[in-house]
Amino acid sequence: MVDQSLMTLKVRSYLGALSRNACDMLIRNLEASRERGDLDPQFELILEAARPLLRKRAFDTQPRAHRRNLLKRAVFLPLEPFLITEQLPRKLPGRILRSTLDAMWIWLDRDVMPESIAEAQELLAKEDYDAEVVARTSERLRGLVVSAIADVLDEAEGPGVARQRVAYRVGGEPVLNEFSDIYGILKADPVLEGFSAQLPPVLTRRSFAVADAAKAREQVVDAIRNVVEAHPEYVGWISSILLWRCDDPVLLVRMAAGAAGIAKPQTIHSSLYAGMVDIALSELRRYVLMARGASDETDTSDTDHGVEWQSEAVVVAISRYHDQLRELRTGIDLREVSQWRNEMVEINRDMAEIIAREISAAHRQVHAALEVPEPDEDGRVKLNPMTAAIAYRTLRVLYIACKNPDLLGVSDAVIRSRRAIEQVLDMASKSLVDELRNAVGPRREALKDSLERVVSYASIVFGHDYVEILKKRCASIPDIEKRPLAS
């Protein structure tokens, strides 16, 4: 039986190597699977191992050496539900690029209120960063920030090159483009905070759909209507707040339908709540950008962790995209509205390119992962964990693509990839079995491990019958049946 504590330590070590975004996305995906009723014991193991890490990271965001950043985070705290790390193709109200805040703070500290910030930092240090003092001080500074943003937005409306001059001072045109959104959100904070207070701490599809949740659904829909009918320009902001609570674009579309009064795309599109669908579709776009970023930036220099966490980010982003797209297509079909249909086609085309690129190289990655090098001078066979991680990633992506290749637009790529991988696995298993008959020592053990990987890889993509054929082929080798094969 596997030592549970050892497994927990291994999982915690792996999670500790992930970036915060990759770790958060993985945990959200597992929690969503559990919410859907997928009671895999491995999910609970990972979640249990992740809890201390997440608490530690929350604490580590305020280490003593970097407590000066606490003031900036506190001042911008109302913006947290609206921050994203991916640059969307077009600006949407309620979606603010996180890096904008760093540039804005530099501008504030350098040009606008250096004395006020210095005094606030001194006060917080004197009070040992007491939570109440931080809250009062940040609220006072936030009022100064709102006034400063209003002034600079007015200046940017001036004649000639006024906007270019302002953009140069604040950190560039992309930063200035976010100022109106930031200003509006901070000004509307009392209304948005009141809206948030009416929502459950977490919104899930299951809790929003069960029969006895009618009262909760009505409460959320009424809260949406009350804000949007009084302030139609707030729809993007409340959509981001809702998405922050539920992390589910499909549920956001359903809430838009509930607020509009009828679940028809054309009706939603012509209502005050169309912006909620725009935010939902932007989340699909974010999955594409996450997958592309992790796929393009694979860190081959970090053979211990770099490839692993980036591979996990690719797989989780593609998996969530597939699940959300499938739900959108089987529920309220947004393709009935040409604007949304065109956007979905563009998003799906971009994701299809990423998936096709991943799986088109799968057979080569699998072949590389199954190769067994010769022993070194010390008689040890050293395998490259990077090749195994990349092969595992491409096979998991292929598994997702095989679920619904027509939906993802990768049917031809899936057929070609499966055929090529089957040939690689068949040839590799025969070659390994032949060599194992006469192999001894460390190389024999390495060949056994490679043969087990053949079965493991086949189990990801192919059916039970094919896996059983490979297992029987493996069992023809003396003593190999004594070792459990991967499944």
Protein backbone atom coordinates (compact mmCIF):
# COMPACT_ATOMS: atom_id res chain seq x y z
CA MET A 1 0.00 0.00 0.00
CA VAL A 2 1.34 3.44 -0.89
CA ASP A 3 2.45 5.53 2.10
CA GLN A 4 -0.14 8.33 2.24
CA SER A 5 2.23 10.77 3.93
CA LEU A 6 4.86 10.15 1.26
CA MET A 7 2.31 10.74 -1.48
CA THR A 8 1.20 13.96 0.23
CA LEU A 9 4.78 15.19 0.41
CA LYS A 10 5.31 14.43 -3.28
CA VAL A 11 2.10 16.21 -4.27
CA ARG A 12 2.96 19.19 -2.06
CA SER A 13 6.43 19.39 -3.57
CA TYR A 14 4.93 19.40 -7.06
CA LEU A 15 2.31 22.03 -6.20
CA GLY A 16 4.95 24.19 -4.57
CA ALA A 17 6.76 24.41 -7.89
CA LEU A 18 3.71 25.75 -9.73
CA SER A 19 3.14 29.43 -10.32
CA ARG A 20 0.29 30.94 -8.32
CA ASN A 21 -1.95 31.15 -11.42
CA ALA A 22 -1.27 27.54 -12.44
CA CYS A 23 -1.81 26.27 -8.88
CA ASP A 24 -5.02 28.27 -8.43
CA MET A 25 -6.35 27.06 -11.77
CA LEU A 26 -5.54 23.43 -10.93
CA ILE A 27 -7.25 23.67 -7.53
CA ARG A 28 -10.33 25.36 -9.03
CA ASN A 29 -10.54 22.61 -11.66
CA LEU A 30 -10.38 19.86 -9.03
CA GLU A 31 -12.95 21.59 -6.83
CA ALA A 32 -15.25 21.99 -9.81
CA SER A 33 -14.89 18.27 -10.60
CA ARG A 34 -15.74 17.40 -7.02
CA GLU A 35 -18.74 19.73 -7.20
CA ARG A 36 -19.92 17.83 -10.29
CA GLY A 37 -19.76 14.60 -8.28
CA ASP A 38 -16.44 13.20 -9.51
CA LEU A 39 -15.36 11.58 -6.24
CA ASP A 40 -11.84 10.57 -7.22
CA PRO A 41 -9.78 9.93 -4.05
CA GLN A 42 -6.76 11.45 -5.78
CA PHE A 43 -8.65 14.76 -5.96
CA GLU A 44 -8.98 14.78 -2.19
CA LEU A 45 -5.30 13.94 -1.78
CA ILE A 46 -4.24 16.86 -3.96
CA LEU A 47 -6.69 19.28 -2.32
CA GLU A 48 -5.59 18.22 1.15
CA ALA A 49 -1.94 18.70 0.21
CA ALA A 50 -2.70 22.09 -1.34
CA ARG A 51 -4.44 23.68 1.65
CA PRO A 52 -1.31 24.35 3.76
CA LEU A 53 0.48 25.60 0.65
CA LEU A 54 -2.30 28.04 -0.20
CA ARG A 55 -2.35 29.32 3.39
CA LYS A 56 1.42 29.72 3.30
CA ARG A 57 1.25 31.62 0.01
CA ALA A 58 -1.40 33.91 1.44
CA PHE A 59 0.96 34.64 4.33
CA ASP A 60 3.99 34.91 2.08
CA THR A 61 2.36 37.73 0.14
CA GLN A 62 3.22 39.86 3.15
CA PRO A 63 6.79 38.93 4.11
CA ARG A 64 8.59 41.46 6.28
CA ALA A 65 11.05 42.38 3.53
CA HIS A 66 8.21 43.31 1.20
CA ARG A 67 5.58 44.75 3.51
CA ARG A 68 5.79 48.05 1.69
CA ASN A 69 3.78 46.39 -1.10
CA LEU A 70 0.95 45.88 1.38
CA LEU A 71 -0.15 49.49 1.03
CA LYS A 72 -0.44 49.21 -2.74
CA ARG A 73 -2.46 45.99 -2.47
CA ALA A 74 -4.74 47.53 0.14
CA VAL A 75 -5.38 50.66 -1.94
CA PHE A 76 -6.27 48.58 -4.99
CA LEU A 77 -8.18 45.91 -3.05
CA PRO A 78 -11.63 46.82 -4.53
CA LEU A 79 -10.20 46.03 -7.99
CA GLU A 80 -9.33 42.40 -7.18
CA PRO A 81 -12.43 40.78 -8.79
CA PHE A 82 -11.69 42.57 -12.06
CA LEU A 83 -7.99 41.72 -12.50
CA ILE A 84 -6.74 39.31 -15.14
CA THR A 85 -3.22 38.43 -16.22
CA GLU A 86 -3.95 37.91 -19.92
CA GLN A 87 -4.10 40.69 -22.51
CA LEU A 88 -7.47 40.35 -24.25
CA PRO A 89 -7.76 41.35 -27.93
CA ARG A 90 -10.17 44.16 -27.01
CA LYS A 91 -10.85 46.08 -23.84
CA LEU A 92 -13.97 45.06 -21.93
CA PRO A 93 -15.39 46.91 -18.91
CA GLY A 94 -14.65 44.84 -15.83
CA ARG A 95 -11.53 43.14 -17.21
CA ILE A 96 -8.39 44.96 -16.02
CA LEU A 97 -4.85 43.85 -16.80
CA ARG A 98 -3.16 43.21 -13.46
CA SER A 99 0.19 44.64 -14.57
CA THR A 100 -1.54 48.01 -14.99
CA LEU A 101 -1.58 48.47 -11.22
CA ASP A 102 2.21 48.29 -10.97
CA ALA A 103 2.60 51.02 -13.58
CA MET A 104 -0.12 53.12 -11.94
CA TRP A 105 1.50 52.85 -8.52
CA ILE A 106 4.87 53.96 -9.92
CA TRP A 107 3.14 57.01 -11.42
CA LEU A 108 1.33 57.81 -8.18
CA ASP A 109 4.47 57.41 -6.06
CA ARG A 110 6.64 59.40 -8.44
CA ASP A 111 4.45 62.19 -9.80
CA VAL A 112 1.20 62.49 -7.89
CA MET A 113 1.48 61.94 -4.15
CA PRO A 114 4.95 60.80 -3.09
CA GLU A 115 4.68 62.58 0.27
CA SER A 116 1.30 61.01 1.09
CA ILE A 117 2.53 57.54 0.21
CA ALA A 118 5.75 58.01 2.21
CA GLU A 119 3.80 59.19 5.25
CA ALA A 120 1.41 56.27 4.94
CA GLN A 121 4.27 53.78 4.70
CA GLU A 122 5.89 55.30 7.78
CA LEU A 123 2.61 55.10 9.71
CA LEU A 124 2.02 51.47 8.78
CA ALA A 125 5.56 50.50 9.79
CA LYS A 126 5.14 52.33 13.11
CA GLU A 127 1.86 50.50 13.78
CA ASP A 128 3.39 47.16 12.72
CA TYR A 129 0.94 46.96 9.81
CA ASP A 130 -2.09 46.62 12.01
CA ALA A 131 -5.07 45.55 9.87
CA GLU A 132 -7.34 48.39 10.99
CA VAL A 133 -4.64 50.98 10.40
CA VAL A 134 -3.96 49.55 6.95
CA ALA A 135 -7.68 49.68 6.10
CA ARG A 136 -8.12 53.31 7.25
CA THR A 137 -4.93 54.51 5.59
CA SER A 138 -5.62 52.76 2.29
CA GLU A 139 -9.16 54.14 2.18
CA ARG A 140 -7.86 57.68 2.61
CA LEU A 141 -5.26 57.20 -0.13
CA ARG A 142 -7.85 55.61 -2.39
CA GLY A 143 -9.81 58.86 -2.39
CA LEU A 144 -6.68 60.72 -3.51
CA VAL A 145 -6.12 58.12 -6.25
CA VAL A 146 -9.65 58.61 -7.59
CA SER A 147 -9.12 62.39 -7.76
CA ALA A 148 -5.75 61.95 -9.49
CA ILE A 149 -7.21 59.61 -12.10
CA ALA A 150 -10.10 62.02 -12.77
CA ASP A 151 -7.62 64.85 -13.35
CA VAL A 152 -5.46 62.85 -15.72
CA LEU A 153 -8.48 61.61 -17.71
CA ASP A 154 -9.63 65.22 -18.14
CA GLU A 155 -6.14 66.20 -19.27
CA ALA A 156 -6.06 63.35 -21.79
CA GLU A 157 -9.20 64.77 -23.44
CA GLY A 158 -7.29 67.94 -24.31
CA PRO A 159 -6.35 69.04 -27.86
CA GLY A 160 -3.45 67.87 -29.97
CA VAL A 161 -1.05 65.44 -28.41
CA ALA A 162 -2.47 65.75 -24.90
CA ARG A 163 -3.34 62.08 -24.71
CA GLN A 164 0.11 61.00 -25.89
CA ARG A 165 1.73 63.17 -23.21
CA VAL A 166 -0.47 61.70 -20.50
CA ALA A 167 0.12 58.14 -21.73
CA TYR A 168 3.88 58.71 -21.60
CA ARG A 169 3.69 59.84 -17.97
CA VAL A 170 1.49 57.04 -16.67
CA GLY A 171 3.32 54.16 -18.34
CA GLY A 172 1.96 53.88 -21.87
CA GLU A 173 -1.27 53.76 -23.83
CA PRO A 174 -2.29 50.29 -22.56
CA VAL A 175 -2.09 51.59 -18.99
CA LEU A 176 -4.07 54.73 -19.81
CA ASN A 177 -6.72 52.60 -21.53
CA GLU A 178 -7.47 50.98 -18.15
CA PHE A 179 -7.82 54.27 -16.26
CA SER A 180 -11.47 54.89 -17.12
CA ASP A 181 -12.44 51.42 -15.95
CA ILE A 182 -10.43 51.74 -12.74
CA TYR A 183 -11.86 55.18 -12.04
CA GLY A 184 -15.44 54.01 -12.63
CA ILE A 185 -15.06 50.93 -10.41
CA LEU A 186 -13.52 52.87 -7.52
CA LYS A 187 -16.22 55.55 -7.78
CA ALA A 188 -18.95 52.89 -7.88
CA ASP A 189 -17.41 50.87 -5.04
CA PRO A 190 -20.31 51.45 -2.58
CA VAL A 191 -22.84 50.12 -5.11
CA LEU A 192 -20.62 47.22 -6.17
CA GLU A 193 -19.84 46.34 -2.57
CA GLY A 194 -23.54 46.33 -1.78
CA PHE A 195 -24.18 44.06 -4.75
CA SER A 196 -21.44 41.66 -3.62
CA ALA A 197 -22.94 41.53 -0.13
CA GLN A 198 -26.18 40.12 -1.58
CA LEU A 199 -24.40 37.18 -3.25
CA PRO A 200 -23.59 33.80 -1.73
CA PRO A 201 -19.85 33.39 -0.98
CA VAL A 202 -19.59 30.85 -3.82
CA LEU A 203 -21.86 30.32 -6.81
CA THR A 204 -21.82 26.87 -8.41
CA ARG A 205 -23.82 25.41 -11.24
CA ARG A 206 -25.18 22.66 -9.00
CA SER A 207 -26.25 24.99 -6.18
CA PHE A 208 -27.84 27.31 -8.72
CA ALA A 209 -29.72 24.52 -10.53
CA VAL A 210 -31.19 22.28 -7.82
CA ALA A 211 -34.91 22.53 -7.17
CA ASP A 212 -34.60 23.91 -3.63
CA ALA A 213 -32.31 26.72 -4.80
CA ALA A 214 -35.13 28.76 -6.34
CA LYS A 215 -34.97 31.37 -3.60
CA ALA A 216 -31.21 31.75 -3.96
CA ARG A 217 -31.55 32.07 -7.75
CA GLU A 218 -34.21 34.74 -7.41
CA GLN A 219 -32.06 36.63 -4.91
CA VAL A 220 -29.09 36.71 -7.28
CA VAL A 221 -31.19 37.62 -10.32
CA ASP A 222 -33.00 40.38 -8.40
CA ALA A 223 -29.66 41.79 -7.26
CA ILE A 224 -28.46 41.84 -10.88
CA ARG A 225 -31.62 43.55 -12.08
CA ASN A 226 -31.58 46.17 -9.33
CA VAL A 227 -28.05 47.30 -10.17
CA VAL A 228 -28.23 47.10 -13.98
CA GLU A 229 -31.61 48.79 -14.29
CA ALA A 230 -30.34 51.69 -12.15
CA HIS A 231 -26.84 51.72 -13.67
CA PRO A 232 -26.73 50.00 -17.09
CA GLU A 233 -23.07 50.93 -17.47
CA TYR A 234 -22.22 48.71 -14.48
CA VAL A 235 -23.15 45.45 -16.25
CA GLY A 236 -19.56 44.53 -17.10
CA TRP A 237 -18.44 45.19 -13.54
CA ILE A 238 -21.11 43.08 -11.87
CA SER A 239 -20.45 40.35 -14.45
CA SER A 240 -16.82 40.21 -13.35
CA ILE A 241 -17.88 40.07 -9.70
CA LEU A 242 -20.21 37.17 -10.49
CA LEU A 243 -17.53 35.37 -12.50
CA TRP A 244 -15.10 35.86 -9.62
CA ARG A 245 -17.58 34.09 -7.33
CA CYS A 246 -18.48 31.24 -9.68
CA ASP A 247 -15.55 30.84 -12.11
CA ASP A 248 -18.11 29.48 -14.58
CA PRO A 249 -18.90 31.32 -17.85
CA VAL A 250 -21.89 29.06 -18.53
CA LEU A 251 -23.49 30.02 -15.22
CA LEU A 252 -22.95 33.69 -16.07
CA VAL A 253 -24.88 33.21 -19.33
CA ARG A 254 -27.70 31.50 -17.43
CA MET A 255 -27.86 34.38 -14.97
CA ALA A 256 -28.06 36.80 -17.89
CA ALA A 257 -30.99 34.80 -19.25
CA GLY A 258 -32.67 34.87 -15.85
CA ALA A 259 -32.27 38.62 -15.58
CA ALA A 260 -33.52 39.14 -19.15
CA GLY A 261 -36.59 37.05 -18.37
CA ILE A 262 -36.24 34.49 -21.16
CA ALA A 263 -33.47 32.11 -22.24
CA LYS A 264 -33.35 33.20 -25.88
CA PRO A 265 -30.05 34.54 -27.26
CA GLN A 266 -31.68 37.29 -29.32
CA THR A 267 -33.62 38.51 -26.29
CA ILE A 268 -30.50 38.54 -24.13
CA HIS A 269 -28.55 40.35 -26.86
CA SER A 270 -31.12 43.15 -27.08
CA SER A 271 -31.39 43.48 -23.29
CA LEU A 272 -29.35 45.37 -20.71
CA TYR A 273 -27.61 42.11 -19.84
CA ALA A 274 -25.80 41.43 -23.13
CA GLY A 275 -22.54 42.55 -21.50
CA MET A 276 -22.72 39.52 -19.21
CA VAL A 277 -22.35 37.24 -22.23
CA ASP A 278 -19.41 39.33 -23.47
CA ILE A 279 -17.63 38.74 -20.17
CA ALA A 280 -18.45 35.01 -20.32
CA LEU A 281 -16.96 34.74 -23.82
CA SER A 282 -13.89 36.67 -22.69
CA GLU A 283 -13.31 33.91 -20.15
CA LEU A 284 -13.22 31.37 -22.99
CA ARG A 285 -10.68 33.63 -24.68
CA ARG A 286 -8.62 33.63 -21.47
CA TYR A 287 -8.45 29.82 -21.55
CA VAL A 288 -6.99 30.08 -25.05
CA LEU A 289 -4.43 32.66 -23.91
CA MET A 290 -3.51 30.56 -20.87
CA ALA A 291 -2.97 27.45 -22.99
CA ARG A 292 -0.99 29.35 -25.61
CA GLY A 293 1.20 31.09 -23.04
CA ALA A 294 2.07 27.88 -21.18
CA SER A 295 2.60 25.95 -24.43
CA ASP A 296 4.83 28.61 -25.99
CA GLU A 297 6.90 29.25 -22.87
CA THR A 298 7.83 25.68 -21.90
CA ASP A 299 10.90 26.02 -19.68
CA THR A 300 13.20 23.21 -20.80
CA SER A 301 16.01 24.51 -18.57
CA ASP A 302 14.16 23.57 -15.36
CA THR A 303 14.08 19.80 -15.69
CA ASP A 304 12.67 19.38 -12.17
CA HIS A 305 9.54 21.50 -12.29
CA GLY A 306 9.35 23.92 -15.24
CA VAL A 307 7.88 21.53 -17.80
CA GLU A 308 5.57 19.88 -15.27
CA TRP A 309 3.69 22.97 -14.14
CA GLN A 310 3.50 24.42 -17.63
CA SER A 311 2.20 21.10 -18.92
CA GLU A 312 -0.44 21.09 -16.21
CA ALA A 313 -1.43 24.65 -17.12
CA VAL A 314 -1.86 23.66 -20.78
CA VAL A 315 -3.98 20.62 -19.95
CA VAL A 316 -6.17 22.37 -17.38
CA ALA A 317 -6.83 25.35 -19.68
CA ILE A 318 -7.78 23.10 -22.61
CA SER A 319 -9.90 20.87 -20.38
CA ARG A 320 -11.85 23.77 -18.90
CA TYR A 321 -12.28 25.30 -22.35
CA HIS A 322 -13.71 22.04 -23.69
CA ASP A 323 -16.12 21.64 -20.77
CA GLN A 324 -17.36 25.24 -20.93
CA LEU A 325 -17.72 25.25 -24.72
CA ARG A 326 -19.68 21.99 -24.63
CA GLU A 327 -22.06 23.42 -22.02
CA LEU A 328 -22.52 26.60 -24.02
CA ARG A 329 -23.34 24.66 -27.16
CA THR A 330 -25.80 22.30 -25.45
CA GLY A 331 -27.52 24.99 -23.37
CA ILE A 332 -28.35 28.47 -24.60
CA ASP A 333 -26.96 28.45 -28.14
CA LEU A 334 -25.29 31.83 -28.44
CA ARG A 335 -24.57 31.16 -32.12
CA GLU A 336 -28.06 32.43 -32.92
CA VAL A 337 -26.60 35.94 -32.49
CA SER A 338 -24.14 36.69 -35.30
CA GLN A 339 -21.84 38.81 -33.12
CA TRP A 340 -21.42 36.05 -30.55
CA ARG A 341 -21.27 33.34 -33.21
CA ASN A 342 -18.38 35.10 -34.98
CA GLU A 343 -16.54 35.58 -31.71
CA MET A 344 -16.97 31.93 -30.74
CA VAL A 345 -15.75 30.81 -34.18
CA GLU A 346 -12.63 32.96 -33.81
CA ILE A 347 -11.93 31.74 -30.28
CA ASN A 348 -12.44 28.09 -31.25
CA ARG A 349 -10.19 28.45 -34.29
CA ASP A 350 -7.38 29.79 -32.09
CA MET A 351 -7.79 26.96 -29.56
CA ALA A 352 -7.95 24.39 -32.37
CA GLU A 353 -4.57 25.61 -33.61
CA ILE A 354 -3.07 25.12 -30.15
CA ILE A 355 -4.56 21.62 -29.75
CA ALA A 356 -3.54 20.55 -33.26
CA ARG A 357 0.01 21.76 -32.67
CA GLU A 358 0.19 19.85 -29.40
CA ILE A 359 -1.14 16.54 -30.67
CA SER A 360 0.56 16.60 -34.07
CA ALA A 361 3.88 16.08 -32.30
CA ALA A 362 2.52 13.51 -29.83
CA HIS A 363 3.96 10.45 -31.57
CA ARG A 364 7.44 11.99 -31.62
CA GLN A 365 7.19 12.95 -27.94
CA VAL A 366 6.02 9.45 -27.03
CA HIS A 367 8.83 7.87 -29.02
CA ALA A 368 11.39 10.07 -27.24
CA ALA A 369 9.92 9.27 -23.82
CA LEU A 370 10.12 5.50 -24.45
CA GLU A 371 13.76 5.49 -25.52
CA VAL A 372 16.08 3.84 -23.00
CA PRO A 373 19.61 5.27 -22.94
CA GLU A 374 22.67 3.16 -22.29
CA PRO A 375 23.96 2.99 -18.69
CA ASP A 376 26.54 5.60 -17.67
CA GLU A 377 29.99 4.86 -16.22
CA ASP A 378 28.43 4.05 -12.85
CA GLY A 379 26.02 1.58 -14.43
CA ARG A 380 22.96 3.83 -13.93
CA VAL A 381 20.37 4.51 -16.59
CA LYS A 382 19.37 8.16 -16.43
CA LEU A 383 16.04 9.04 -18.02
CA ASN A 384 15.10 12.58 -19.00
CA PRO A 385 12.00 13.58 -16.99
CA MET A 386 11.34 16.45 -19.39
CA THR A 387 10.60 14.15 -22.32
CA ALA A 388 8.24 12.06 -20.19
CA ALA A 389 6.40 15.16 -18.97
CA ILE A 390 5.94 16.53 -22.49
CA ALA A 391 4.75 13.15 -23.80
CA TYR A 392 2.27 12.86 -20.94
CA ARG A 393 1.01 16.36 -21.67
CA THR A 394 0.44 15.76 -25.38
CA LEU A 395 -1.40 12.50 -24.65
CA ARG A 396 -3.66 14.18 -22.11
CA VAL A 397 -4.42 16.93 -24.61
CA LEU A 398 -5.20 14.24 -27.19
CA TYR A 399 -7.50 12.52 -24.68
CA ILE A 400 -9.45 15.77 -24.26
CA ALA A 401 -9.59 16.29 -28.02
CA CYS A 402 -10.89 12.74 -28.51
CA LYS A 403 -13.90 13.49 -26.31
CA ASN A 404 -15.41 15.79 -28.90
CA PRO A 405 -13.11 16.47 -31.87
CA ASP A 406 -15.87 17.98 -34.00
CA LEU A 407 -16.73 20.50 -31.28
CA LEU A 408 -13.09 21.53 -30.97
CA GLY A 409 -12.52 21.53 -34.73
CA VAL A 410 -9.64 19.03 -34.63
CA SER A 411 -11.15 15.87 -36.13
CA ASP A 412 -8.50 15.34 -38.82
CA ALA A 413 -5.65 16.07 -36.42
CA VAL A 414 -7.05 13.57 -33.90
CA ILE A 415 -7.32 10.79 -36.51
CA ARG A 416 -3.74 11.33 -37.72
CA SER A 417 -2.34 11.56 -34.22
CA ARG A 418 -4.08 8.43 -32.92
CA ARG A 419 -2.88 6.43 -35.92
CA ALA A 420 0.72 7.60 -35.50
CA ILE A 421 0.76 6.99 -31.74
CA GLU A 422 -0.68 3.49 -32.13
CA GLN A 423 2.15 2.64 -34.53
CA VAL A 424 4.76 4.03 -32.12
CA LEU A 425 3.35 2.10 -29.15
CA ASP A 426 3.06 -1.12 -31.13
CA MET A 427 6.62 -0.95 -32.45
CA ALA A 428 8.04 0.17 -29.10
CA SER A 429 6.33 -2.61 -27.15
CA LYS A 430 7.60 -5.28 -29.53
CA SER A 431 11.12 -3.86 -29.49
CA LEU A 432 11.19 -3.61 -25.68
CA VAL A 433 9.85 -7.13 -25.23
CA ASP A 434 12.48 -8.53 -27.60
CA GLU A 435 15.32 -6.74 -25.84
CA LEU A 436 14.05 -7.67 -22.38
CA ARG A 437 14.42 -11.38 -23.10
CA ASN A 438 18.20 -11.07 -22.84
CA ALA A 439 18.71 -7.84 -20.86
CA VAL A 440 20.20 -7.88 -17.36
CA GLY A 441 21.03 -5.46 -14.57
CA PRO A 442 20.07 -1.77 -14.55
CA ARG A 443 19.20 -1.75 -18.24
CA ARG A 444 16.67 -4.53 -17.72
CA GLU A 445 14.97 -2.48 -15.00
CA ALA A 446 14.97 0.58 -17.26
CA LEU A 447 13.44 -1.46 -20.09
CA LYS A 448 10.72 -2.69 -17.74
CA ASP A 449 9.93 0.90 -16.74
CA SER A 450 9.72 1.91 -20.40
CA LEU A 451 7.41 -1.02 -21.15
CA GLU A 452 5.14 0.03 -18.30
CA ARG A 453 5.04 3.53 -19.77
CA VAL A 454 3.86 2.00 -23.06
CA VAL A 455 0.84 0.54 -21.26
CA SER A 456 0.29 3.75 -19.29
CA TYR A 457 0.37 5.89 -22.44
CA ALA A 458 -1.98 3.51 -24.26
CA SER A 459 -4.47 3.66 -21.39
CA ILE A 460 -4.76 7.44 -21.80
CA VAL A 461 -5.80 7.39 -25.44
CA PHE A 462 -6.96 3.90 -26.47
CA GLY A 463 -9.59 1.52 -25.26
CA HIS A 464 -9.44 -1.38 -22.82
CA ASP A 465 -9.00 -4.03 -25.53
CA TYR A 466 -5.84 -2.48 -26.91
CA VAL A 467 -4.38 -2.03 -23.42
CA GLU A 468 -5.06 -5.70 -22.66
CA ILE A 469 -3.16 -6.73 -25.80
CA LEU A 470 -0.15 -4.75 -24.62
CA LYS A 471 -0.40 -6.21 -21.12
CA LYS A 472 -0.42 -9.76 -22.51
CA ARG A 473 2.60 -8.90 -24.60
CA CYS A 474 4.35 -7.63 -21.48
CA ALA A 475 3.36 -10.71 -19.49
CA SER A 476 5.31 -12.91 -21.89
CA ILE A 477 8.51 -11.71 -20.24
CA PRO A 478 9.71 -13.73 -17.23
CA ASP A 479 9.21 -11.99 -13.83
CA ILE A 480 7.63 -8.87 -15.32
CA GLU A 481 4.19 -9.95 -14.19
CA LYS A 482 5.42 -9.65 -10.60
CA ARG A 483 5.49 -5.87 -10.93
CA PRO A 484 2.21 -3.94 -11.13
CA LEU A 485 1.72 -2.35 -14.50
CA ALA A 486 0.60 1.25 -14.73
CA SER A 487 -3.04 1.74 -15.55
